[in-house]
PDB file of N, CA and C in Angstrom:
ATOM      1  N   MET A   1     -88.575  11.695  59.145  1.00  0.00           N
ATOM      2  CA  MET A   1     -88.979  13.435  58.550  1.00  0.00           C
ATOM      3  C   MET A   1     -88.687  13.085  57.265  1.00  0.00           C
ATOM      4  N   ARG A   2     -88.908  14.998  56.965  1.00  0.00           N
ATOM      5  CA  ARG A   2     -89.199  14.156  55.298  1.00  0.00           C
ATOM      6  C   ARG A   2     -88.115  15.588  55.313  1.00  0.00           C
ATOM      7  N   LEU A   3     -87.165  15.503  53.973  1.00  0.00           N
ATOM      8  CA  LEU A   3     -86.706  16.698  53.934  1.00  0.00           C
ATOM      9  C   LEU A   3     -87.121  17.699  52.602  1.00  0.00           C
ATOM     10  N   SER A   4     -87.505  18.491  52.800  1.00  0.00           N
ATOM     11  CA  SER A   4     -87.343  19.028  51.554  1.00  0.00           C
ATOM     12  C   SER A   4     -86.436  18.918  50.389  1.00  0.00           C
ATOM     13  N   THR A   5     -87.405  19.171  48.973  1.00  0.00           N
ATOM     14  CA  THR A   5     -86.381  19.038  47.561  1.00  0.00           C
ATOM     15  C   THR A   5     -85.608  20.115  47.551  1.00  0.00           C
ATOM     16  N   THR A   6     -85.513  20.958  47.774  1.00  0.00           N
ATOM     17  CA  THR A   6     -84.107  21.752  47.305  1.00  0.00           C
ATOM     18  C   THR A   6     -83.210  21.282  48.620  1.00  0.00           C
ATOM     19  N   THR A   7     -83.113  20.582  50.014  1.00  0.00           N
ATOM     20  CA  THR A   7     -82.475  20.394  50.745  1.00  0.00           C
ATOM     21  C   THR A   7     -81.454  18.953  50.063  1.00  0.00           C
ATOM     22  N   GLY A   8     -82.907  17.689  49.799  1.00  0.00           N
ATOM     23  CA  GLY A   8     -82.216  17.246  48.667  1.00  0.00           C
ATOM     24  C   GLY A   8     -81.585  16.954  48.057  1.00  0.00           C
ATOM     25  N   LEU A   9     -81.874  18.190  47.175  1.00  0.00           N
ATOM     26  CA  LEU A   9     -80.871  18.121  45.321  1.00  0.00           C
ATOM     27  C   LEU A   9     -79.673  18.738  46.362  1.00  0.00           C
ATOM     28  N   SER A  10     -79.693  19.278  47.248  1.00  0.00           N
ATOM     29  CA  SER A  10     -78.173  19.921  47.335  1.00  0.00           C
ATOM     30  C   SER A  10     -77.358  18.792  48.289  1.00  0.00           C
ATOM     31  N   LEU A  11     -78.210  17.924  48.798  1.00  0.00           N
ATOM     32  CA  LEU A  11     -77.548  16.660  49.515  1.00  0.00           C
ATOM     33  C   LEU A  11     -76.812  15.865  48.106  1.00  0.00           C
ATOM     34  N   VAL A  12     -77.112  15.772  47.558  1.00  0.00           N
ATOM     35  CA  VAL A  12     -77.467  15.110  45.969  1.00  0.00           C
ATOM     36  C   VAL A  12     -76.116  15.499  45.435  1.00  0.00           C
ATOM     37  N   LEU A  13     -76.185  16.897  45.096  1.00  0.00           N
ATOM     38  CA  LEU A  13     -74.757  17.454  43.970  1.00  0.00           C
ATOM     39  C   LEU A  13     -73.549  17.504  44.885  1.00  0.00           C
ATOM     40  N   ALA A  14     -73.797  17.367  46.575  1.00  0.00           N
ATOM     41  CA  ALA A  14     -73.134  17.833  46.829  1.00  0.00           C
ATOM     42  C   ALA A  14     -72.253  16.319  46.765  1.00  0.00           C
ATOM     43  N   CYS A  15     -72.684  15.845  47.092  1.00  0.00           N
ATOM     44  CA  CYS A  15     -72.500  14.291  46.884  1.00  0.00           C
ATOM     45  C   CYS A  15     -71.365  14.079  45.634  1.00  0.00           C
ATOM     46  N   THR A  16     -72.223  14.049  44.487  1.00  0.00           N
ATOM     47  CA  THR A  16     -71.730  14.118  42.567  1.00  0.00           C
ATOM     48  C   THR A  16     -70.460  14.995  42.867  1.00  0.00           C
ATOM     49  N   SER A  17     -70.071  15.893  43.299  1.00  0.00           N
ATOM     50  CA  SER A  17     -68.908  17.024  43.530  1.00  0.00           C
ATOM     51  C   SER A  17     -68.035  15.671  44.325  1.00  0.00           C
ATOM     52  N   ALA A  18     -68.308  15.544  44.886  1.00  0.00           N
ATOM     53  CA  ALA A  18     -67.239  15.106  45.895  1.00  0.00           C
ATOM     54  C   ALA A  18     -67.137  13.204  44.880  1.00  0.00           C
ATOM     55  N   GLU A  19     -67.034  13.105  44.710  1.00  0.00           N
ATOM     56  CA  GLU A  19     -67.403  11.201  43.599  1.00  0.00           C
ATOM     57  C   GLU A  19     -66.165  12.175  42.629  1.00  0.00           C
ATOM     58  N   ALA A  20     -67.051  12.932  41.903  1.00  0.00           N
ATOM     59  CA  ALA A  20     -65.605  13.831  40.900  1.00  0.00           C
ATOM     60  C   ALA A  20     -64.621  14.394  40.630  1.00  0.00           C
ATOM     61  N   GLN A  21     -64.483  14.398  42.037  1.00  0.00           N
ATOM     62  CA  GLN A  21     -62.800  14.463  42.236  1.00  0.00           C
ATOM     63  C   GLN A  21     -62.102  13.446  43.231  1.00  0.00           C
ATOM     64  N   ASP A  22     -63.135  12.042  43.439  1.00  0.00           N
ATOM     65  CA  ASP A  22     -62.620  10.974  43.982  1.00  0.00           C
ATOM     66  C   ASP A  22     -61.136  10.680  43.300  1.00  0.00           C
ATOM     67  N   PRO A  23     -59.597  10.544  44.019  1.00  0.00           N
ATOM     68  CA  PRO A  23     -58.529   9.933  42.750  1.00  0.00           C
ATOM     69  C   PRO A  23     -58.515   8.365  42.426  1.00  0.00           C
ATOM     70  N   GLU A  24     -59.579   7.815  43.701  1.00  0.00           N
ATOM     71  CA  GLU A  24     -59.696   6.691  43.526  1.00  0.00           C
ATOM     72  C   GLU A  24     -60.624   6.268  42.355  1.00  0.00           C
ATOM     73  N   ARG A  25     -61.534   7.090  41.902  1.00  0.00           N
ATOM     74  CA  ARG A  25     -62.266   6.426  40.666  1.00  0.00           C
ATOM     75  C   ARG A  25     -61.550   7.328  39.244  1.00  0.00           C
ATOM     76  N   GLY A  26     -60.878   8.403  39.381  1.00  0.00           N
ATOM     77  CA  GLY A  26     -60.319   8.542  38.560  1.00  0.00           C
ATOM     78  C   GLY A  26     -61.250  10.087  37.230  1.00  0.00           C
ATOM     79  N   GLN A  27     -61.666  10.593  38.067  1.00  0.00           N
ATOM     80  CA  GLN A  27     -62.497  11.216  37.127  1.00  0.00           C
ATOM     81  C   GLN A  27     -61.950  12.673  38.192  1.00  0.00           C
ATOM     82  N   PHE A  28     -62.222  13.426  37.323  1.00  0.00           N
ATOM     83  CA  PHE A  28     -61.535  14.530  37.501  1.00  0.00           C
ATOM     84  C   PHE A  28     -61.800  16.107  36.748  1.00  0.00           C
ATOM     85  N   PRO A  29     -61.337  17.039  37.512  1.00  0.00           N
ATOM     86  CA  PRO A  29     -61.969  18.369  36.924  1.00  0.00           C
ATOM     87  C   PRO A  29     -60.634  19.212  36.328  1.00  0.00           C
ATOM     88  N   GLN A  30     -60.955  19.834  34.827  1.00  0.00           N
ATOM     89  CA  GLN A  30     -59.612  19.972  33.812  1.00  0.00           C
ATOM     90  C   GLN A  30     -59.079  21.351  34.375  1.00  0.00           C
ATOM     91  N   ASP A  31     -59.591  21.545  35.442  1.00  0.00           N
ATOM     92  CA  ASP A  31     -58.169  22.574  35.890  1.00  0.00           C
ATOM     93  C   ASP A  31     -57.402  21.512  36.993  1.00  0.00           C
ATOM     94  N   GLN A  32     -57.996  20.945  37.572  1.00  0.00           N
ATOM     95  CA  GLN A  32     -56.933  19.943  38.152  1.00  0.00           C
ATOM     96  C   GLN A  32     -55.816  19.282  37.163  1.00  0.00           C
ATOM     97  N   ILE A  33     -56.441  18.583  35.885  1.00  0.00           N
ATOM     98  CA  ILE A  33     -55.499  17.895  35.050  1.00  0.00           C
ATOM     99  C   ILE A  33     -54.329  18.966  34.432  1.00  0.00           C
ATOM    100  N   ASP A  34     -54.909  19.663  34.374  1.00  0.00           N
ATOM    101  CA  ASP A  34     -53.686  20.657  33.786  1.00  0.00           C
ATOM    102  C   ASP A  34     -53.009  21.221  34.926  1.00  0.00           C
ATOM    103  N   HIS A  35     -53.323  21.802  35.917  1.00  0.00           N
ATOM    104  CA  HIS A  35     -52.164  21.968  36.886  1.00  0.00           C
ATOM    105  C   HIS A  35     -51.353  20.267  37.497  1.00  0.00           C
ATOM    106  N   GLY A  36     -51.963  18.998  37.139  1.00  0.00           N
ATOM    107  CA  GLY A  36     -50.709  18.128  36.542  1.00  0.00           C
ATOM    108  C   GLY A  36     -49.827  18.236  35.852  1.00  0.00           C
ATOM    109  N   ALA A  37     -50.631  18.184  34.323  1.00  0.00           N
ATOM    110  CA  ALA A  37     -49.630  18.503  33.133  1.00  0.00           C
ATOM    111  C   ALA A  37     -48.659  19.315  33.627  1.00  0.00           C
ATOM    112  N   GLU A  38     -48.934  20.811  34.114  1.00  0.00           N
ATOM    113  CA  GLU A  38     -47.455  21.606  34.332  1.00  0.00           C
ATOM    114  C   GLU A  38     -46.775  21.203  35.553  1.00  0.00           C
ATOM    115  N   LEU A  39     -46.968  20.165  36.809  1.00  0.00           N
ATOM    116  CA  LEU A  39     -46.454  19.497  37.379  1.00  0.00           C
ATOM    117  C   LEU A  39     -45.861  18.187  36.872  1.00  0.00           C
ATOM    118  N   TYR A  40     -45.954  18.191  36.330  1.00  0.00           N
ATOM    119  CA  TYR A  40     -45.497  16.414  35.026  1.00  0.00           C
ATOM    120  C   TYR A  40     -44.536  17.336  34.420  1.00  0.00           C
ATOM    121  N   SER A  41     -44.583  18.515  33.183  1.00  0.00           N
ATOM    122  CA  SER A  41     -44.096  19.069  32.431  1.00  0.00           C
ATOM    123  C   SER A  41     -42.220  19.035  33.209  1.00  0.00           C
ATOM    124  N   THR A  42     -42.744  19.756  34.323  1.00  0.00           N
ATOM    125  CA  THR A  42     -41.697  20.636  35.574  1.00  0.00           C
ATOM    126  C   THR A  42     -41.335  19.682  35.858  1.00  0.00           C
ATOM    127  N   TYR A  43     -41.120  18.572  36.295  1.00  0.00           N
ATOM    128  CA  TYR A  43     -40.749  17.370  36.997  1.00  0.00           C
ATOM    129  C   TYR A  43     -40.353  16.364  36.452  1.00  0.00           C
ATOM    130  N   CYS A  44     -41.402  15.511  35.904  1.00  0.00           N
ATOM    131  CA  CYS A  44     -41.366  14.562  35.531  1.00  0.00           C
ATOM    132  C   CYS A  44     -40.674  14.044  34.303  1.00  0.00           C
ATOM    133  N   VAL A  45     -41.213  15.198  33.464  1.00  0.00           N
ATOM    134  CA  VAL A  45     -40.465  14.335  31.969  1.00  0.00           C
ATOM    135  C   VAL A  45     -39.233  14.338  31.737  1.00  0.00           C
ATOM    136  N   PRO A  46     -37.978  14.876  32.405  1.00  0.00           N
ATOM    137  CA  PRO A  46     -36.629  13.959  32.631  1.00  0.00           C
ATOM    138  C   PRO A  46     -37.096  12.742  32.553  1.00  0.00           C
ATOM    139  N   CYS A  47     -37.322  12.057  33.525  1.00  0.00           N
ATOM    140  CA  CYS A  47     -36.836  10.319  33.577  1.00  0.00           C
ATOM    141  C   CYS A  47     -38.329   9.596  32.920  1.00  0.00           C
ATOM    142  N   HIS A  48     -40.535  10.606  32.997  1.00  0.00           N
ATOM    143  CA  HIS A  48     -41.036   9.608  32.388  1.00  0.00           C
ATOM    144  C   HIS A  48     -40.887   9.939  31.227  1.00  0.00           C
ATOM    145  N   GLY A  49     -40.670  11.390  30.413  1.00  0.00           N
ATOM    146  CA  GLY A  49     -40.113  11.450  29.238  1.00  0.00           C
ATOM    147  C   GLY A  49     -41.733  12.611  28.717  1.00  0.00           C
ATOM    148  N   PRO A  50     -42.475  12.707  27.673  1.00  0.00           N
ATOM    149  CA  PRO A  50     -43.532  13.693  27.287  1.00  0.00           C
ATOM    150  C   PRO A  50     -44.648  13.276  27.053  1.00  0.00           C
ATOM    151  N   GLN A  51     -44.511  12.323  27.033  1.00  0.00           N
ATOM    152  CA  GLN A  51     -45.572  11.189  26.934  1.00  0.00           C
ATOM    153  C   GLN A  51     -46.027  10.383  27.672  1.00  0.00           C
ATOM    154  N   MET A  52     -45.149  10.727  28.622  1.00  0.00           N
ATOM    155  CA  MET A  52     -45.190   9.483  29.942  1.00  0.00           C
ATOM    156  C   MET A  52     -44.915   7.597  29.331  1.00  0.00           C
ATOM    157  N   ASP A  53     -43.924   7.619  28.267  1.00  0.00           N
ATOM    158  CA  ASP A  53     -43.872   6.386  28.213  1.00  0.00           C
ATOM    159  C   ASP A  53     -42.372   5.599  28.129  1.00  0.00           C
ATOM    160  N   HIS A  54     -41.882   6.878  28.970  1.00  0.00           N
ATOM    161  CA  HIS A  54     -40.786   5.872  29.696  1.00  0.00           C
ATOM    162  C   HIS A  54     -39.063   5.307  29.316  1.00  0.00           C
ATOM    163  N   PRO A  55     -38.723   7.054  28.380  1.00  0.00           N
ATOM    164  CA  PRO A  55     -37.488   6.459  28.075  1.00  0.00           C
ATOM    165  C   PRO A  55     -36.674   6.460  28.882  1.00  0.00           C
ATOM    166  N   GLY A  56     -35.739   5.371  28.490  1.00  0.00           N
ATOM    167  CA  GLY A  56     -34.391   4.942  29.603  1.00  0.00           C
ATOM    168  C   GLY A  56     -34.971   4.490  30.302  1.00  0.00           C
ATOM    169  N   GLY A  57     -35.937   3.761  30.406  1.00  0.00           N
ATOM    170  CA  GLY A  57     -36.230   2.456  31.488  1.00  0.00           C
ATOM    171  C   GLY A  57     -37.127   3.057  32.673  1.00  0.00           C
ATOM    172  N   SER A  58     -37.335   3.991  32.747  1.00  0.00           N
ATOM    173  CA  SER A  58     -38.569   4.214  34.127  1.00  0.00           C
ATOM    174  C   SER A  58     -39.818   3.893  33.640  1.00  0.00           C
ATOM    175  N   PHE A  59     -40.415   3.872  35.032  1.00  0.00           N
ATOM    176  CA  PHE A  59     -41.287   3.162  34.408  1.00  0.00           C
ATOM    177  C   PHE A  59     -42.812   4.028  33.906  1.00  0.00           C
ATOM    178  N   ASP A  60     -43.467   3.182  33.010  1.00  0.00           N
ATOM    179  CA  ASP A  60     -44.373   3.048  31.753  1.00  0.00           C
ATOM    180  C   ASP A  60     -45.663   3.969  32.625  1.00  0.00           C
ATOM    181  N   LEU A  61     -45.560   5.601  32.846  1.00  0.00           N
ATOM    182  CA  LEU A  61     -47.325   5.517  33.665  1.00  0.00           C
ATOM    183  C   LEU A  61     -48.136   5.546  32.779  1.00  0.00           C
ATOM    184  N   ARG A  62     -48.537   5.527  31.789  1.00  0.00           N
ATOM    185  CA  ARG A  62     -49.116   5.074  30.931  1.00  0.00           C
ATOM    186  C   ARG A  62     -50.287   3.871  30.758  1.00  0.00           C
ATOM    187  N   THR A  63     -49.262   2.447  31.631  1.00  0.00           N
ATOM    188  CA  THR A  63     -50.109   1.385  32.212  1.00  0.00           C
ATOM    189  C   THR A  63     -50.452   1.499  33.474  1.00  0.00           C
ATOM    190  N   PHE A  64     -50.395   2.185  34.224  1.00  0.00           N
ATOM    191  CA  PHE A  64     -49.847   2.316  35.577  1.00  0.00           C
ATOM    192  C   PHE A  64     -52.185   2.317  35.821  1.00  0.00           C
ATOM    193  N   PRO A  65     -52.308   1.590  36.490  1.00  0.00           N
ATOM    194  CA  PRO A  65     -53.445   1.077  36.522  1.00  0.00           C
ATOM    195  C   PRO A  65     -54.494   2.037  37.668  1.00  0.00           C
ATOM    196  N   PRO A  66     -55.884   2.751  36.746  1.00  0.00           N
ATOM    197  CA  PRO A  66     -56.468   3.605  37.781  1.00  0.00           C
ATOM    198  C   PRO A  66     -57.099   3.534  38.886  1.00  0.00           C
ATOM    199  N   GLY A  67     -56.641   2.211  39.279  1.00  0.00           N
ATOM    200  CA  GLY A  67     -57.952   2.301  40.057  1.00  0.00           C
ATOM    201  C   GLY A  67     -56.773   2.344  41.642  1.00  0.00           C
ATOM    202  N   GLN A  68     -55.782   2.711  40.949  1.00  0.00           N
ATOM    203  CA  GLN A  68     -54.467   2.560  42.360  1.00  0.00           C
ATOM    204  C   GLN A  68     -53.881   3.727  43.214  1.00  0.00           C
ATOM    205  N   TYR A  69     -54.759   4.523  43.461  1.00  0.00           N
ATOM    206  CA  TYR A  69     -53.796   6.072  43.532  1.00  0.00           C
ATOM    207  C   TYR A  69     -52.726   6.322  45.143  1.00  0.00           C
ATOM    208  N   ALA A  70     -53.851   5.400  45.848  1.00  0.00           N
ATOM    209  CA  ALA A  70     -52.911   4.940  47.030  1.00  0.00           C
ATOM    210  C   ALA A  70     -50.934   4.392  46.962  1.00  0.00           C
ATOM    211  N   ARG A  71     -51.400   3.731  45.729  1.00  0.00           N
ATOM    212  CA  ARG A  71     -49.933   2.920  45.574  1.00  0.00           C
ATOM    213  C   ARG A  71     -49.525   4.371  44.406  1.00  0.00           C
ATOM    214  N   PHE A  72     -50.240   4.781  43.228  1.00  0.00           N
ATOM    215  CA  PHE A  72     -49.452   6.334  43.228  1.00  0.00           C
ATOM    216  C   PHE A  72     -48.067   7.161  43.955  1.00  0.00           C
ATOM    217  N   ALA A  73     -49.650   7.540  45.372  1.00  0.00           N
ATOM    218  CA  ALA A  73     -49.258   8.257  46.345  1.00  0.00           C
ATOM    219  C   ALA A  73     -48.270   8.414  46.975  1.00  0.00           C
ATOM    220  N   ASN A  74     -48.357   6.648  47.119  1.00  0.00           N
ATOM    221  CA  ASN A  74     -47.208   6.759  48.074  1.00  0.00           C
ATOM    222  C   ASN A  74     -45.236   6.177  46.852  1.00  0.00           C
ATOM    223  N   SER A  75     -45.688   5.811  45.922  1.00  0.00           N
ATOM    224  CA  SER A  75     -44.852   5.991  45.085  1.00  0.00           C
ATOM    225  C   SER A  75     -44.028   7.622  44.575  1.00  0.00           C
ATOM    226  N   VAL A  76     -45.117   8.340  44.366  1.00  0.00           N
ATOM    227  CA  VAL A  76     -43.998   9.567  44.304  1.00  0.00           C
ATOM    228  C   VAL A  76     -43.783  11.012  46.279  1.00  0.00           C
ATOM    229  N   THR A  77     -44.394   9.778  46.689  1.00  0.00           N
ATOM    230  CA  THR A  77     -43.940  10.349  47.967  1.00  0.00           C
ATOM    231  C   THR A  77     -43.163   9.713  48.759  1.00  0.00           C
ATOM    232  N   LYS A  78     -42.844   8.504  48.483  1.00  0.00           N
ATOM    233  CA  LYS A  78     -41.616   7.860  48.678  1.00  0.00           C
ATOM    234  C   LYS A  78     -40.794   7.789  48.076  1.00  0.00           C
ATOM    235  N   GLY A  79     -40.656   7.601  47.131  1.00  0.00           N
ATOM    236  CA  GLY A  79     -40.120   7.120  45.876  1.00  0.00           C
ATOM    237  C   GLY A  79     -40.233   5.860  45.606  1.00  0.00           C
ATOM    238  N   LYS A  80     -39.284   5.264  44.844  1.00  0.00           N
ATOM    239  CA  LYS A  80     -39.039   3.810  44.492  1.00  0.00           C
ATOM    240  C   LYS A  80     -38.296   3.383  43.352  1.00  0.00           C
ATOM    241  N   ASN A  81     -37.597   2.692  43.534  1.00  0.00           N
ATOM    242  CA  ASN A  81     -36.921   1.918  42.438  1.00  0.00           C
ATOM    243  C   ASN A  81     -36.004   3.124  42.769  1.00  0.00           C
ATOM    244  N   THR A  82     -35.341   3.836  41.718  1.00  0.00           N
ATOM    245  CA  THR A  82     -34.119   4.726  41.475  1.00  0.00           C
ATOM    246  C   THR A  82     -35.141   6.310  41.339  1.00  0.00           C
ATOM    247  N   MET A  83     -36.315   5.952  41.110  1.00  0.00           N
ATOM    248  CA  MET A  83     -37.131   7.726  41.425  1.00  0.00           C
ATOM    249  C   MET A  83     -37.289   8.080  42.768  1.00  0.00           C
ATOM    250  N   PRO A  84     -36.338   9.147  42.841  1.00  0.00           N
ATOM    251  CA  PRO A  84     -36.350   9.748  44.647  1.00  0.00           C
ATOM    252  C   PRO A  84     -37.856  10.044  44.491  1.00  0.00           C
ATOM    253  N   PRO A  85     -37.984  10.266  46.168  1.00  0.00           N
ATOM    254  CA  PRO A  85     -39.423  10.418  46.778  1.00  0.00           C
ATOM    255  C   PRO A  85     -39.386  12.064  46.989  1.00  0.00           C
ATOM    256  N   TRP A  86     -40.492  12.531  46.036  1.00  0.00           N
ATOM    257  CA  TRP A  86     -41.042  14.259  46.584  1.00  0.00           C
ATOM    258  C   TRP A  86     -41.895  14.389  47.650  1.00  0.00           C
ATOM    259  N   GLY A  87     -42.248  13.766  48.438  1.00  0.00           N
ATOM    260  CA  GLY A  87     -43.104  14.178  48.928  1.00  0.00           C
ATOM    261  C   GLY A  87     -42.832  15.387  49.780  1.00  0.00           C
ATOM    262  N   ASP A  88     -41.483  15.536  50.162  1.00  0.00           N
ATOM    263  CA  ASP A  88     -41.137  16.656  50.547  1.00  0.00           C
ATOM    264  C   ASP A  88     -41.674  18.298  49.855  1.00  0.00           C
ATOM    265  N   LEU A  89     -41.678  17.944  48.636  1.00  0.00           N
ATOM    266  CA  LEU A  89     -41.857  18.504  47.108  1.00  0.00           C
ATOM    267  C   LEU A  89     -43.341  19.298  47.253  1.00  0.00           C
ATOM    268  N   PHE A  90     -44.244  17.761  46.575  1.00  0.00           N
ATOM    269  CA  PHE A  90     -45.296  17.929  46.499  1.00  0.00           C
ATOM    270  C   PHE A  90     -46.705  18.139  47.818  1.00  0.00           C
ATOM    271  N   PRO A  91     -47.541  18.770  48.174  1.00  0.00           N
ATOM    272  CA  PRO A  91     -48.353  18.698  48.813  1.00  0.00           C
ATOM    273  C   PRO A  91     -49.510  18.056  48.589  1.00  0.00           C
ATOM    274  N   PRO A  92     -50.479  16.938  49.322  1.00  0.00           N
ATOM    275  CA  PRO A  92     -51.085  16.327  48.683  1.00  0.00           C
ATOM    276  C   PRO A  92     -51.796  16.387  47.685  1.00  0.00           C
ATOM    277  N   ALA A  93     -52.126  18.093  47.582  1.00  0.00           N
ATOM    278  CA  ALA A  93     -52.958  18.164  46.544  1.00  0.00           C
ATOM    279  C   ALA A  93     -52.476  18.349  44.827  1.00  0.00           C
ATOM    280  N   ASP A  94     -50.874  18.495  45.171  1.00  0.00           N
ATOM    281  CA  ASP A  94     -49.880  18.297  43.976  1.00  0.00           C
ATOM    282  C   ASP A  94     -49.701  16.693  43.531  1.00  0.00           C
ATOM    283  N   ILE A  95     -50.318  15.533  44.246  1.00  0.00           N
ATOM    284  CA  ILE A  95     -49.659  14.627  44.064  1.00  0.00           C
ATOM    285  C   ILE A  95     -51.068  14.621  42.979  1.00  0.00           C
ATOM    286  N   GLU A  96     -52.290  14.484  43.562  1.00  0.00           N
ATOM    287  CA  GLU A  96     -53.744  13.921  43.256  1.00  0.00           C
ATOM    288  C   GLU A  96     -53.367  15.091  42.084  1.00  0.00           C
ATOM    289  N   ALA A  97     -52.865  16.000  41.610  1.00  0.00           N
ATOM    290  CA  ALA A  97     -53.504  16.987  40.555  1.00  0.00           C
ATOM    291  C   ALA A  97     -52.007  15.750  39.158  1.00  0.00           C
ATOM    292  N   LEU A  98     -51.008  15.546  39.825  1.00  0.00           N
ATOM    293  CA  LEU A  98     -50.462  15.165  39.132  1.00  0.00           C
ATOM    294  C   LEU A  98     -50.718  13.398  38.631  1.00  0.00           C
ATOM    295  N   TRP A  99     -51.591  12.708  39.431  1.00  0.00           N
ATOM    296  CA  TRP A  99     -52.177  11.225  39.530  1.00  0.00           C
ATOM    297  C   TRP A  99     -53.940  11.595  38.508  1.00  0.00           C
ATOM    298  N   ALA A 100     -53.812  12.838  38.676  1.00  0.00           N
ATOM    299  CA  ALA A 100     -55.213  13.198  37.601  1.00  0.00           C
ATOM    300  C   ALA A 100     -54.889  13.570  36.147  1.00  0.00           C
ATOM    301  N   TYR A 101     -53.768  13.993  36.005  1.00  0.00           N
ATOM    302  CA  TYR A 101     -52.749  14.300  34.565  1.00  0.00           C
ATOM    303  C   TYR A 101     -52.646  12.529  33.936  1.00  0.00           C
ATOM    304  N   VAL A 102     -51.674  11.491  35.107  1.00  0.00           N
ATOM    305  CA  VAL A 102     -51.844  10.920  34.110  1.00  0.00           C
ATOM    306  C   VAL A 102     -52.620   9.290  33.830  1.00  0.00           C
ATOM    307  N   VAL A 103     -54.095   9.602  34.805  1.00  0.00           N
ATOM    308  CA  VAL A 103     -54.398   8.888  34.907  1.00  0.00           C
ATOM    309  C   VAL A 103     -55.848   9.296  33.763  1.00  0.00           C
ATOM    310  N   ALA A 104     -55.908  10.790  33.439  1.00  0.00           N
ATOM    311  CA  ALA A 104     -56.697  10.871  32.724  1.00  0.00           C
ATOM    312  C   ALA A 104     -56.111  12.449  31.596  1.00  0.00           C
ATOM    313  N   GLY A 105     -55.088  12.796  31.565  1.00  0.00           N
ATOM    314  CA  GLY A 105     -54.105  14.114  30.638  1.00  0.00           C
ATOM    315  C   GLY A 105     -54.072  13.187  29.406  1.00  0.00           C
ATOM    316  N   GLU A 106     -53.244  12.840  29.191  1.00  0.00           N
ATOM    317  CA  GLU A 106     -53.051  12.747  28.235  1.00  0.00           C
ATOM    318  C   GLU A 106     -54.249  11.833  26.776  1.00  0.00           C
ATOM    319  N   ARG A 107     -54.804  10.853  27.514  1.00  0.00           N
ATOM    320  CA  ARG A 107     -56.088  11.017  27.435  1.00  0.00           C
ATOM    321  C   ARG A 107     -56.996  11.447  26.955  1.00  0.00           C
ATOM    322  N   LYS A 108     -56.566  12.696  27.186  1.00  0.00           N
ATOM    323  CA  LYS A 108     -58.275  14.080  27.075  1.00  0.00           C
ATOM    324  C   LYS A 108     -57.590  14.839  25.780  1.00  0.00           C
ATOM    325  N   LYS A 109     -56.473  14.895  25.703  1.00  0.00           N
ATOM    326  CA  LYS A 109     -55.424  15.966  24.937  1.00  0.00           C
ATOM    327  C   LYS A 109     -56.144  15.434  23.687  1.00  0.00           C
TER     328      LYS A 109
END
């Protein structure tokens, strides 16, 4: 069975869009990065600093490995060491936005 050109192109575009928002791949739309920046400035700056550079001994988010979204999401959701759990405050979309900012935000600004 043959796919029409339009159908085939639609499938390619749909797959491309899904990949562009895959948190493990580190490719994010600018509006998601911007939302993550807003969340970061409200909730994360007090401990991680305005440049993610860990003042006072918190984790230096600039060094977080880009391919480890699951680890990041787990740390944000459940907390880690002195970081409290944020899972009750942030829905998954907000955690993905924070990840987008951590992975790409400072590098794109």
